[in-house]
Amino acid sequence: MSASYSGVKVFSATKARERESLGERITDWLDANTHEIEIVDTVVTQSSDREFHCLTITLFFRAR
């Protein structure tokens, strides 16, 4: 990661319905914070075991 950042916001979901709405949750958070922050990097992580599939989206940001 080359850009400096001042904060991190993590969105995570393990249930199918939660994973389906993850994009909406992220969009809502970005809309609410658009004037205060600038996204400098994003990391998408997927992990799973026999029963659960976890999707995590991590946003690295800095204050404007």
PDB file of N, CA and C in Angstrom:
ATOM      1  N   MET A   1       0.844  -1.161   0.000  1.00  0.00           N
ATOM      2  CA  MET A   1       0.000   0.000   0.000  1.00  0.00           C
ATOM      3  C   MET A   1       0.898   1.235   0.000  1.00  0.00           C
ATOM      4  N   SER A   2       0.787   2.059  -1.010  1.00  0.00           N
ATOM      5  CA  SER A   2       1.694   3.185  -1.153  1.00  0.00           C
ATOM      6  C   SER A   2       1.143   4.487  -0.585  1.00  0.00           C
ATOM      7  N   ALA A   3      -0.165   4.658  -0.534  1.00  0.00           N
ATOM      8  CA  ALA A   3      -0.744   5.913  -0.061  1.00  0.00           C
ATOM      9  C   ALA A   3      -0.847   5.906   1.455  1.00  0.00           C
ATOM     10  N   SER A   4      -0.585   7.061   2.071  1.00  0.00           N
ATOM     11  CA  SER A   4      -0.731   7.142   3.515  1.00  0.00           C
ATOM     12  C   SER A   4      -2.217   7.248   3.857  1.00  0.00           C
ATOM     13  N   TYR A   5      -2.567   6.784   5.044  1.00  0.00           N
ATOM     14  CA  TYR A   5      -3.963   6.820   5.466  1.00  0.00           C
ATOM     15  C   TYR A   5      -4.050   7.174   6.937  1.00  0.00           C
ATOM     16  N   SER A   6      -5.227   7.653   7.352  1.00  0.00           N
ATOM     17  CA  SER A   6      -5.424   8.033   8.748  1.00  0.00           C
ATOM     18  C   SER A   6      -6.502   7.194   9.417  1.00  0.00           C
ATOM     19  N   GLY A   7      -7.189   6.349   8.647  1.00  0.00           N
ATOM     20  CA  GLY A   7      -8.223   5.514   9.231  1.00  0.00           C
ATOM     21  C   GLY A   7      -8.542   4.321   8.367  1.00  0.00           C
ATOM     22  N   VAL A   8      -9.242   3.360   8.990  1.00  0.00           N
ATOM     23  CA  VAL A   8      -9.632   2.127   8.313  1.00  0.00           C
ATOM     24  C   VAL A   8     -11.085   1.832   8.689  1.00  0.00           C
ATOM     25  N   LYS A   9     -11.872   1.442   7.708  1.00  0.00           N
ATOM     26  CA  LYS A   9     -13.247   1.011   7.956  1.00  0.00           C
ATOM     27  C   LYS A   9     -13.388  -0.387   7.370  1.00  0.00           C
ATOM     28  N   VAL A  10     -13.876  -1.322   8.197  1.00  0.00           N
ATOM     29  CA  VAL A  10     -13.996  -2.717   7.789  1.00  0.00           C
ATOM     30  C   VAL A  10     -15.471  -3.098   7.717  1.00  0.00           C
ATOM     31  N   PHE A  11     -15.854  -3.662   6.583  1.00  0.00           N
ATOM     32  CA  PHE A  11     -17.196  -4.193   6.390  1.00  0.00           C
ATOM     33  C   PHE A  11     -17.057  -5.695   6.190  1.00  0.00           C
ATOM     34  N   SER A  12     -17.840  -6.470   6.947  1.00  0.00           N
ATOM     35  CA  SER A  12     -17.703  -7.913   6.879  1.00  0.00           C
ATOM     36  C   SER A  12     -19.074  -8.569   6.952  1.00  0.00           C
ATOM     37  N   ALA A  13     -19.222  -9.683   6.256  1.00  0.00           N
ATOM     38  CA  ALA A  13     -20.482 -10.419   6.271  1.00  0.00           C
ATOM     39  C   ALA A  13     -20.211 -11.903   6.086  1.00  0.00           C
ATOM     40  N   THR A  14     -20.955 -12.735   6.829  1.00  0.00           N
ATOM     41  CA  THR A  14     -20.791 -14.178   6.692  1.00  0.00           C
ATOM     42  C   THR A  14     -22.041 -14.858   6.152  1.00  0.00           C
ATOM     43  N   LYS A  15     -23.201 -14.286   6.390  1.00  0.00           N
ATOM     44  CA  LYS A  15     -24.444 -14.882   5.911  1.00  0.00           C
ATOM     45  C   LYS A  15     -24.742 -14.390   4.500  1.00  0.00           C
ATOM     46  N   ALA A  16     -25.380 -15.235   3.702  1.00  0.00           N
ATOM     47  CA  ALA A  16     -25.652 -14.899   2.296  1.00  0.00           C
ATOM     48  C   ALA A  16     -26.416 -13.587   2.162  1.00  0.00           C
ATOM     49  N   ARG A  17     -27.420 -13.384   2.953  1.00  0.00           N
ATOM     50  CA  ARG A  17     -28.222 -12.162   2.864  1.00  0.00           C
ATOM     51  C   ARG A  17     -27.382 -10.932   3.222  1.00  0.00           C
ATOM     52  N   GLU A  18     -26.511 -11.072   4.231  1.00  0.00           N
ATOM     53  CA  GLU A  18     -25.613  -9.972   4.607  1.00  0.00           C
ATOM     54  C   GLU A  18     -24.632  -9.665   3.479  1.00  0.00           C
ATOM     55  N   ARG A  19     -24.100 -10.706   2.842  1.00  0.00           N
ATOM     56  CA  ARG A  19     -23.159 -10.498   1.734  1.00  0.00           C
ATOM     57  C   ARG A  19     -23.832  -9.782   0.570  1.00  0.00           C
ATOM     58  N   GLU A  20     -25.096 -10.118   0.312  1.00  0.00           N
ATOM     59  CA  GLU A  20     -25.831  -9.471  -0.778  1.00  0.00           C
ATOM     60  C   GLU A  20     -26.028  -7.977  -0.548  1.00  0.00           C
ATOM     61  N   SER A  21     -26.153  -7.565   0.700  1.00  0.00           N
ATOM     62  CA  SER A  21     -26.410  -6.148   1.004  1.00  0.00           C
ATOM     63  C   SER A  21     -25.141  -5.389   1.395  1.00  0.00           C
ATOM     64  N   LEU A  22     -23.998  -6.043   1.329  1.00  0.00           N
ATOM     65  CA  LEU A  22     -22.749  -5.406   1.742  1.00  0.00           C
ATOM     66  C   LEU A  22     -22.443  -4.164   0.906  1.00  0.00           C
ATOM     67  N   GLY A  23     -22.667  -4.230  -0.380  1.00  0.00           N
ATOM     68  CA  GLY A  23     -22.424  -3.079  -1.249  1.00  0.00           C
ATOM     69  C   GLY A  23     -23.260  -1.874  -0.854  1.00  0.00           C
ATOM     70  N   GLU A  24     -24.520  -2.114  -0.499  1.00  0.00           N
ATOM     71  CA  GLU A  24     -25.398  -1.021  -0.067  1.00  0.00           C
ATOM     72  C   GLU A  24     -24.904  -0.400   1.233  1.00  0.00           C
ATOM     73  N   ARG A  25     -24.447  -1.237   2.169  1.00  0.00           N
ATOM     74  CA  ARG A  25     -23.917  -0.708   3.439  1.00  0.00           C
ATOM     75  C   ARG A  25     -22.696   0.168   3.188  1.00  0.00           C
ATOM     76  N   ILE A  26     -21.832  -0.275   2.289  1.00  0.00           N
ATOM     77  CA  ILE A  26     -20.627   0.501   1.982  1.00  0.00           C
ATOM     78  C   ILE A  26     -21.007   1.814   1.305  1.00  0.00           C
ATOM     79  N   THR A  27     -21.929   1.762   0.344  1.00  0.00           N
ATOM     80  CA  THR A  27     -22.366   2.973  -0.341  1.00  0.00           C
ATOM     81  C   THR A  27     -22.981   3.964   0.635  1.00  0.00           C
ATOM     82  N   ASP A  28     -23.810   3.488   1.549  1.00  0.00           N
ATOM     83  CA  ASP A  28     -24.419   4.373   2.548  1.00  0.00           C
ATOM     84  C   ASP A  28     -23.359   5.044   3.415  1.00  0.00           C
ATOM     85  N   TRP A  29     -22.352   4.268   3.834  1.00  0.00           N
ATOM     86  CA  TRP A  29     -21.288   4.831   4.675  1.00  0.00           C
ATOM     87  C   TRP A  29     -20.479   5.858   3.892  1.00  0.00           C
ATOM     88  N   LEU A  30     -20.160   5.535   2.640  1.00  0.00           N
ATOM     89  CA  LEU A  30     -19.411   6.481   1.810  1.00  0.00           C
ATOM     90  C   LEU A  30     -20.212   7.768   1.595  1.00  0.00           C
ATOM     91  N   ASP A  31     -21.502   7.647   1.311  1.00  0.00           N
ATOM     92  CA  ASP A  31     -22.345   8.826   1.125  1.00  0.00           C
ATOM     93  C   ASP A  31     -22.365   9.705   2.375  1.00  0.00           C
ATOM     94  N   ALA A  32     -22.406   9.078   3.540  1.00  0.00           N
ATOM     95  CA  ALA A  32     -22.455   9.823   4.797  1.00  0.00           C
ATOM     96  C   ALA A  32     -21.122  10.483   5.139  1.00  0.00           C
ATOM     97  N   ASN A  33     -20.035  10.008   4.556  1.00  0.00           N
ATOM     98  CA  ASN A  33     -18.706  10.508   4.920  1.00  0.00           C
ATOM     99  C   ASN A  33     -17.939  11.128   3.756  1.00  0.00           C
ATOM    100  N   THR A  34     -18.582  11.322   2.643  1.00  0.00           N
ATOM    101  CA  THR A  34     -17.898  11.728   1.415  1.00  0.00           C
ATOM    102  C   THR A  34     -17.145  13.057   1.540  1.00  0.00           C
ATOM    103  N   HIS A  35     -17.640  13.972   2.358  1.00  0.00           N
ATOM    104  CA  HIS A  35     -16.993  15.288   2.478  1.00  0.00           C
ATOM    105  C   HIS A  35     -15.841  15.275   3.482  1.00  0.00           C
ATOM    106  N   GLU A  36     -15.785  14.258   4.344  1.00  0.00           N
ATOM    107  CA  GLU A  36     -14.762  14.215   5.392  1.00  0.00           C
ATOM    108  C   GLU A  36     -13.559  13.341   5.057  1.00  0.00           C
ATOM    109  N   ILE A  37     -13.754  12.393   4.144  1.00  0.00           N
ATOM    110  CA  ILE A  37     -12.672  11.430   3.884  1.00  0.00           C
ATOM    111  C   ILE A  37     -12.413  11.257   2.403  1.00  0.00           C
ATOM    112  N   GLU A  38     -11.255  10.676   2.114  1.00  0.00           N
ATOM    113  CA  GLU A  38     -10.867  10.287   0.761  1.00  0.00           C
ATOM    114  C   GLU A  38     -10.354   8.850   0.838  1.00  0.00           C
ATOM    115  N   ILE A  39     -10.921   7.948   0.062  1.00  0.00           N
ATOM    116  CA  ILE A  39     -10.481   6.549   0.039  1.00  0.00           C
ATOM    117  C   ILE A  39      -9.140   6.485  -0.691  1.00  0.00           C
ATOM    118  N   VAL A  40      -8.146   5.854  -0.058  1.00  0.00           N
ATOM    119  CA  VAL A  40      -6.820   5.748  -0.678  1.00  0.00           C
ATOM    120  C   VAL A  40      -6.474   4.317  -1.082  1.00  0.00           C
ATOM    121  N   ASP A  41      -7.190   3.330  -0.525  1.00  0.00           N
ATOM    122  CA  ASP A  41      -6.940   1.945  -0.915  1.00  0.00           C
ATOM    123  C   ASP A  41      -8.107   1.079  -0.451  1.00  0.00           C
ATOM    124  N   THR A  42      -8.287  -0.059  -1.109  1.00  0.00           N
ATOM    125  CA  THR A  42      -9.347  -1.006  -0.774  1.00  0.00           C
ATOM    126  C   THR A  42      -8.766  -2.411  -0.859  1.00  0.00           C
ATOM    127  N   VAL A  43      -9.109  -3.239   0.129  1.00  0.00           N
ATOM    128  CA  VAL A  43      -8.688  -4.637   0.125  1.00  0.00           C
ATOM    129  C   VAL A  43      -9.933  -5.500   0.289  1.00  0.00           C
ATOM    130  N   VAL A  44     -10.114  -6.462  -0.605  1.00  0.00           N
ATOM    131  CA  VAL A  44     -11.230  -7.403  -0.540  1.00  0.00           C
ATOM    132  C   VAL A  44     -10.665  -8.763  -0.146  1.00  0.00           C
ATOM    133  N   THR A  45     -11.257  -9.355   0.906  1.00  0.00           N
ATOM    134  CA  THR A  45     -10.780 -10.631   1.417  1.00  0.00           C
ATOM    135  C   THR A  45     -11.951 -11.601   1.507  1.00  0.00           C
ATOM    136  N   GLN A  46     -11.726 -12.814   1.040  1.00  0.00           N
ATOM    137  CA  GLN A  46     -12.744 -13.845   1.158  1.00  0.00           C
ATOM    138  C   GLN A  46     -12.132 -15.028   1.879  1.00  0.00           C
ATOM    139  N   SER A  47     -12.869 -15.557   2.837  1.00  0.00           N
ATOM    140  CA  SER A  47     -12.411 -16.752   3.533  1.00  0.00           C
ATOM    141  C   SER A  47     -13.610 -17.666   3.748  1.00  0.00           C
ATOM    142  N   SER A  48     -13.344 -18.936   3.909  1.00  0.00           N
ATOM    143  CA  SER A  48     -14.455 -19.864   4.132  1.00  0.00           C
ATOM    144  C   SER A  48     -13.959 -21.131   4.813  1.00  0.00           C
ATOM    145  N   ASP A  49     -14.907 -21.782   5.452  1.00  0.00           N
ATOM    146  CA  ASP A  49     -14.673 -23.120   5.974  1.00  0.00           C
ATOM    147  C   ASP A  49     -15.838 -23.981   5.498  1.00  0.00           C
ATOM    148  N   ARG A  50     -16.114 -25.073   6.124  1.00  0.00           N
ATOM    149  CA  ARG A  50     -17.179 -25.966   5.653  1.00  0.00           C
ATOM    150  C   ARG A  50     -18.567 -25.326   5.709  1.00  0.00           C
ATOM    151  N   GLU A  51     -18.775 -24.435   6.674  1.00  0.00           N
ATOM    152  CA  GLU A  51     -20.116 -23.897   6.885  1.00  0.00           C
ATOM    153  C   GLU A  51     -20.267 -22.437   6.511  1.00  0.00           C
ATOM    154  N   PHE A  52     -19.229 -21.645   6.647  1.00  0.00           N
ATOM    155  CA  PHE A  52     -19.367 -20.205   6.508  1.00  0.00           C
ATOM    156  C   PHE A  52     -18.456 -19.657   5.417  1.00  0.00           C
ATOM    157  N   HIS A  53     -18.946 -18.661   4.721  1.00  0.00           N
ATOM    158  CA  HIS A  53     -18.177 -17.937   3.721  1.00  0.00           C
ATOM    159  C   HIS A  53     -18.179 -16.474   4.145  1.00  0.00           C
ATOM    160  N   CYS A  54     -17.033 -15.939   4.430  1.00  0.00           N
ATOM    161  CA  CYS A  54     -16.922 -14.573   4.929  1.00  0.00           C
ATOM    162  C   CYS A  54     -16.341 -13.676   3.841  1.00  0.00           C
ATOM    163  N   LEU A  55     -16.988 -12.555   3.624  1.00  0.00           N
ATOM    164  CA  LEU A  55     -16.504 -11.534   2.705  1.00  0.00           C
ATOM    165  C   LEU A  55     -16.198 -10.293   3.521  1.00  0.00           C
ATOM    166  N   THR A  56     -14.986  -9.778   3.384  1.00  0.00           N
ATOM    167  CA  THR A  56     -14.579  -8.582   4.101  1.00  0.00           C
ATOM    168  C   THR A  56     -14.040  -7.573   3.108  1.00  0.00           C
ATOM    169  N   ILE A  57     -14.524  -6.352   3.211  1.00  0.00           N
ATOM    170  CA  ILE A  57     -14.023  -5.255   2.396  1.00  0.00           C
ATOM    171  C   ILE A  57     -13.473  -4.202   3.345  1.00  0.00           C
ATOM    172  N   THR A  58     -12.193  -3.917   3.195  1.00  0.00           N
ATOM    173  CA  THR A  58     -11.503  -2.963   4.059  1.00  0.00           C
ATOM    174  C   THR A  58     -11.174  -1.717   3.270  1.00  0.00           C
ATOM    175  N   LEU A  59     -11.623  -0.577   3.773  1.00  0.00           N
ATOM    176  CA  LEU A  59     -11.363   0.710   3.142  1.00  0.00           C
ATOM    177  C   LEU A  59     -10.345   1.485   3.958  1.00  0.00           C
ATOM    178  N   PHE A  60      -9.272   1.907   3.322  1.00  0.00           N
ATOM    179  CA  PHE A  60      -8.274   2.748   3.962  1.00  0.00           C
ATOM    180  C   PHE A  60      -8.538   4.178   3.490  1.00  0.00           C
ATOM    181  N   PHE A  61      -8.609   5.102   4.424  1.00  0.00           N
ATOM    182  CA  PHE A  61      -8.948   6.463   4.055  1.00  0.00           C
ATOM    183  C   PHE A  61      -8.107   7.475   4.816  1.00  0.00           C
ATOM    184  N   ARG A  62      -8.142   8.706   4.315  1.00  0.00           N
ATOM    185  CA  ARG A  62      -7.499   9.810   5.026  1.00  0.00           C
ATOM    186  C   ARG A  62      -8.492  10.961   5.070  1.00  0.00           C
ATOM    187  N   ALA A  63      -8.323  11.790   6.083  1.00  0.00           N
ATOM    188  CA  ALA A  63      -9.195  12.946   6.243  1.00  0.00           C
ATOM    189  C   ALA A  63      -8.900  13.949   5.131  1.00  0.00           C
ATOM    190  N   ARG A  64      -9.935  14.618   4.674  1.00  0.00           N
ATOM    191  CA  ARG A  64      -9.770  15.663   3.640  1.00  0.00           C
ATOM    192  C   ARG A  64      -9.253  16.922   4.276  1.00  0.00           C
TER     193      ARG A  64
END
